[in-house]
C-alpha atoms as a PDB file:
ATOM      1  CA  MET A   1      83.755-200.198  79.711  1.00  0.00           C
ATOM      2  CA  PRO A   2      84.584-203.914  79.271  1.00  0.00           C
ATOM      3  CA  VAL A   3      82.496-203.985  76.047  1.00  0.00           C
ATOM      4  CA  VAL A   4      84.318-200.966  74.605  1.00  0.00           C
ATOM      5  CA  LEU A   5      87.684-202.485  75.455  1.00  0.00           C
ATOM      6  CA  ALA A   6      86.703-205.871  73.983  1.00  0.00           C
ATOM      7  CA  VAL A   7      85.508-204.239  70.753  1.00  0.00           C
ATOM      8  CA  ALA A   8      88.735-202.210  70.514  1.00  0.00           C
ATOM      9  CA  VAL A   9      90.987-205.219  71.128  1.00  0.00           C
ATOM     10  CA  GLY A  10      88.901-207.419  68.838  1.00  0.00           C
ATOM     11  CA  GLY A  11      88.921-204.737  66.157  1.00  0.00           C
ATOM     12  CA  GLY A  12      92.684-204.424  66.282  1.00  0.00           C
ATOM     13  CA  ALA A  13      93.108-208.187  66.051  1.00  0.00           C
ATOM     14  CA  GLY A  14      90.564-208.437  63.215  1.00  0.00           C
ATOM     15  CA  ALA A  15      92.263-205.688  61.224  1.00  0.00           C
ATOM     16  CA  LEU A  16      95.639-207.396  61.626  1.00  0.00           C
ATOM     17  CA  ALA A  17      94.146-210.753  60.619  1.00  0.00           C
ATOM     18  CA  ARG A  18      92.560-209.172  57.552  1.00  0.00           C
ATOM     19  CA  TYR A  19      95.855-207.554  56.579  1.00  0.00           C
ATOM     20  CA  GLY A  20      97.685-210.860  57.016  1.00  0.00           C
ATOM     21  CA  VAL A  21      95.218-212.900  54.946  1.00  0.00           C
ATOM     22  CA  ASP A  22      95.051-210.206  52.262  1.00  0.00           C
ATOM     23  CA  THR A  23      98.835-210.026  52.009  1.00  0.00           C
ATOM     24  CA  LEU A  24      99.211-213.803  51.901  1.00  0.00           C
ATOM     25  CA  ILE A  25      96.653-214.246  49.131  1.00  0.00           C
ATOM     26  CA  GLU A  26      97.807-211.254  47.077  1.00  0.00           C
ATOM     27  CA  ARG A  27     101.371-212.641  47.084  1.00  0.00           C
ATOM     28  CA  HIS A  28     100.227-215.993  45.704  1.00  0.00           C
ATOM     29  CA  VAL A  29      97.298-215.154  43.422  1.00  0.00           C
ATOM     30  CA  ASP A  30      97.498-212.898  40.413  1.00  0.00           C
ATOM     31  CA  ALA A  31      93.973-212.822  39.015  1.00  0.00           C
ATOM     32  CA  LEU A  32      91.299-210.396  37.897  1.00  0.00           C
ATOM     33  CA  PHE A  33      88.853-211.803  40.464  1.00  0.00           C
ATOM     34  CA  PRO A  34      89.440-210.227  43.918  1.00  0.00           C
ATOM     35  CA  TRP A  35      90.235-213.474  45.735  1.00  0.00           C
ATOM     36  CA  ALA A  36      91.657-211.883  48.877  1.00  0.00           C
ATOM     37  CA  THR A  37      88.550-209.874  49.769  1.00  0.00           C
ATOM     38  CA  PHE A  38      86.286-212.740  48.712  1.00  0.00           C
ATOM     39  CA  THR A  39      88.167-215.187  50.955  1.00  0.00           C
ATOM     40  CA  ILE A  40      88.209-212.779  53.887  1.00  0.00           C
ATOM     41  CA  ASN A  41      84.494-212.064  53.640  1.00  0.00           C
ATOM     42  CA  ILE A  42      83.497-215.728  53.216  1.00  0.00           C
ATOM     43  CA  THR A  43      85.640-216.913  56.129  1.00  0.00           C
ATOM     44  CA  GLY A  44      84.211-214.015  58.141  1.00  0.00           C
ATOM     45  CA  CYS A  45      80.672-215.184  57.310  1.00  0.00           C
ATOM     46  CA  PHE A  46      81.548-218.715  58.400  1.00  0.00           C
ATOM     47  CA  LEU A  47      83.078-217.480  61.642  1.00  0.00           C
ATOM     48  CA  ASN A  48      80.097-215.225  62.285  1.00  0.00           C
ATOM     49  CA  GLY A  49      77.690-218.157  61.967  1.00  0.00           C
ATOM     50  CA  LEU A  50      79.922-220.272  64.191  1.00  0.00           C
ATOM     51  CA  VAL A  51      80.402-217.594  66.859  1.00  0.00           C
ATOM     52  CA  VAL A  52      76.732-216.632  67.020  1.00  0.00           C
ATOM     53  CA  ALA A  53      75.520-220.221  67.165  1.00  0.00           C
ATOM     54  CA  LEU A  54      78.168-221.540  69.522  1.00  0.00           C
ATOM     55  CA  VAL A  55      79.535-218.716  71.639  1.00  0.00           C
ATOM     56  CA  VAL A  56      76.428-216.530  71.869  1.00  0.00           C
ATOM     57  CA  ASP A  57      73.440-218.885  71.569  1.00  0.00           C
ATOM     58  CA  ALA A  58      74.743-222.155  72.996  1.00  0.00           C
ATOM     59  CA  LEU A  59      77.238-220.958  75.575  1.00  0.00           C
ATOM     60  CA  GLY A  60      75.578-217.657  76.463  1.00  0.00           C
ATOM     61  CA  ALA A  61      78.823-215.709  76.427  1.00  0.00           C
ATOM     62  CA  PRO A  62      78.843-212.363  78.221  1.00  0.00           C
ATOM     63  CA  SER A  63      78.111-209.341  76.045  1.00  0.00           C
ATOM     64  CA  TRP A  64      81.685-208.040  76.229  1.00  0.00           C
ATOM     65  CA  LEU A  65      82.957-211.291  74.697  1.00  0.00           C
ATOM     66  CA  SER A  66      80.301-211.678  72.023  1.00  0.00           C
ATOM     67  CA  ARG A  67      80.561-208.025  70.973  1.00  0.00           C
ATOM     68  CA  GLY A  68      84.342-208.158  71.046  1.00  0.00           C
ATOM     69  CA  LEU A  69      84.282-211.148  68.703  1.00  0.00           C
ATOM     70  CA  ILE A  70      81.425-210.129  66.403  1.00  0.00           C
ATOM     71  CA  VAL A  71      81.544-206.326  66.277  1.00  0.00           C
ATOM     72  CA  GLY A  72      85.251-205.985  67.028  1.00  0.00           C
ATOM     73  CA  PHE A  73      87.117-208.863  65.415  1.00  0.00           C
ATOM     74  CA  LEU A  74      84.730-209.870  62.637  1.00  0.00           C
ATOM     75  CA  GLY A  75      83.665-206.283  61.971  1.00  0.00           C
ATOM     76  CA  ALA A  76      87.279-205.296  61.330  1.00  0.00           C
ATOM     77  CA  TYR A  77      88.158-208.549  59.571  1.00  0.00           C
ATOM     78  CA  THR A  78      85.401-208.457  56.963  1.00  0.00           C
ATOM     79  CA  THR A  79      84.976-205.593  54.553  1.00  0.00           C
ATOM     80  CA  PHE A  80      81.822-204.579  52.725  1.00  0.00           C
ATOM     81  CA  SER A  81      83.307-201.294  51.525  1.00  0.00           C
ATOM     82  CA  THR A  82      86.275-202.933  49.786  1.00  0.00           C
ATOM     83  CA  TYR A  83      83.944-205.517  48.244  1.00  0.00           C
ATOM     84  CA  THR A  84      81.736-202.838  46.701  1.00  0.00           C
ATOM     85  CA  VAL A  85      84.648-200.701  45.498  1.00  0.00           C
ATOM     86  CA  GLU A  86      86.210-203.749  43.832  1.00  0.00           C
ATOM     87  CA  ALA A  87      82.913-204.586  42.118  1.00  0.00           C
ATOM     88  CA  ALA A  88      82.530-200.981  40.933  1.00  0.00           C
ATOM     89  CA  THR A  89      86.138-200.870  39.702  1.00  0.00           C
ATOM     90  CA  LEU A  90      85.745-204.136  37.806  1.00  0.00           C
ATOM     91  CA  THR A  91      82.631-202.719  36.127  1.00  0.00           C
ATOM     92  CA  LYS A  92      84.302-199.396  35.321  1.00  0.00           C
ATOM     93  CA  ASP A  93      87.275-201.239  33.816  1.00  0.00           C
ATOM     94  CA  GLY A  94      85.046-203.205  31.454  1.00  0.00           C
ATOM     95  CA  HIS A  95      84.778-206.435  33.445  1.00  0.00           C
ATOM     96  CA  ALA A  96      81.071-206.294  34.247  1.00  0.00           C
ATOM     97  CA  LEU A  97      80.627-210.079  34.091  1.00  0.00           C
ATOM     98  CA  VAL A  98      83.447-210.632  36.577  1.00  0.00           C
ATOM     99  CA  ALA A  99      81.910-207.958  38.820  1.00  0.00           C
ATOM    100  CA  LEU A 100      78.504-209.637  38.598  1.00  0.00           C
ATOM    101  CA  ALA A 101      80.029-213.032  39.376  1.00  0.00           C
ATOM    102  CA  TYR A 102      81.862-211.500  42.351  1.00  0.00           C
ATOM    103  CA  VAL A 103      78.733-209.843  43.748  1.00  0.00           C
ATOM    104  CA  VAL A 104      76.519-212.916  43.313  1.00  0.00           C
ATOM    105  CA  ALA A 105      79.149-215.377  44.529  1.00  0.00           C
ATOM    106  CA  SER A 106      79.871-213.235  47.586  1.00  0.00           C
ATOM    107  CA  LEU A 107      76.197-213.156  48.539  1.00  0.00           C
ATOM    108  CA  VAL A 108      75.415-216.820  47.849  1.00  0.00           C
ATOM    109  CA  VAL A 109      78.636-218.290  49.213  1.00  0.00           C
ATOM    110  CA  GLY A 110      78.508-215.896  52.176  1.00  0.00           C
ATOM    111  CA  LEU A 111      75.041-217.122  53.140  1.00  0.00           C
ATOM    112  CA  LEU A 112      76.147-220.730  52.708  1.00  0.00           C
ATOM    113  CA  ALA A 113      79.204-220.022  54.865  1.00  0.00           C
ATOM    114  CA  VAL A 114      77.029-218.613  57.680  1.00  0.00           C
ATOM    115  CA  PHE A 115      74.877-221.733  57.600  1.00  0.00           C
ATOM    116  CA  ALA A 116      78.009-223.915  57.479  1.00  0.00           C
ATOM    117  CA  GLY A 117      79.275-222.181  60.618  1.00  0.00           C
ATOM    118  CA  ILE A 118      75.941-222.863  62.309  1.00  0.00           C
ATOM    119  CA  MET A 119      76.068-226.516  61.227  1.00  0.00           C
ATOM    120  CA  VAL A 120      79.608-226.910  62.557  1.00  0.00           C
ATOM    121  CA  ALA A 121      78.401-225.548  65.876  1.00  0.00           C
ATOM    122  CA  ARG A 122      75.544-228.075  65.832  1.00  0.00           C
ATOM    123  CA  LEU A 123      77.936-230.892  65.043  1.00  0.00           C
ATOM    124  CA  ALA A 124      80.013-229.818  67.996  1.00  0.00           C
ATOM    125  CA  GLY A 125      77.100-231.208  70.001  1.00  0.00           C
ATOM    126  CA  HIS A 126      75.714-228.021  71.426  1.00  0.00           C
ATOM    127  CA  GLY A 127      72.234-228.319  69.918  1.00  0.00           C
ATOM    128  CA  VAL A 128      72.092-224.794  68.541  1.00  0.00           C
ATOM    129  CA  THR A 129      69.572-223.716  65.924  1.00  0.00           C
ATOM    130  CA  ALA A 130      69.817-221.521  62.842  1.00  0.00           C
ATOM    131  CA  GLY A 131      67.422-218.883  63.987  1.00  0.00           C
END
């Protein structure tokens, strides 16, 4: 039951964080490229690398905490479905090159962000590894 509760609380917090970041970016950026979802997903990748390397691997957090953070918070914060709908919509609306740039940049920068999170955890002095 503690895992279910942690995932629920983390999910609620992640959804609210996603809404807040999305709203903040959408108010300040008027562009064809979907910057809000891109930013949310990349920061989520970074945080996932950091949490796994630091909280799970190095500190050995209990399963309720790691699942609450990763499945709950980060699962609700990041959004694969919105990313793919935005890419499909860009393509449908005649912006295939922007869609391609979005898809490739999300994958490449997302992977780099995960590794950056792992490196930050290493720099924190906890001796964690990337695998």
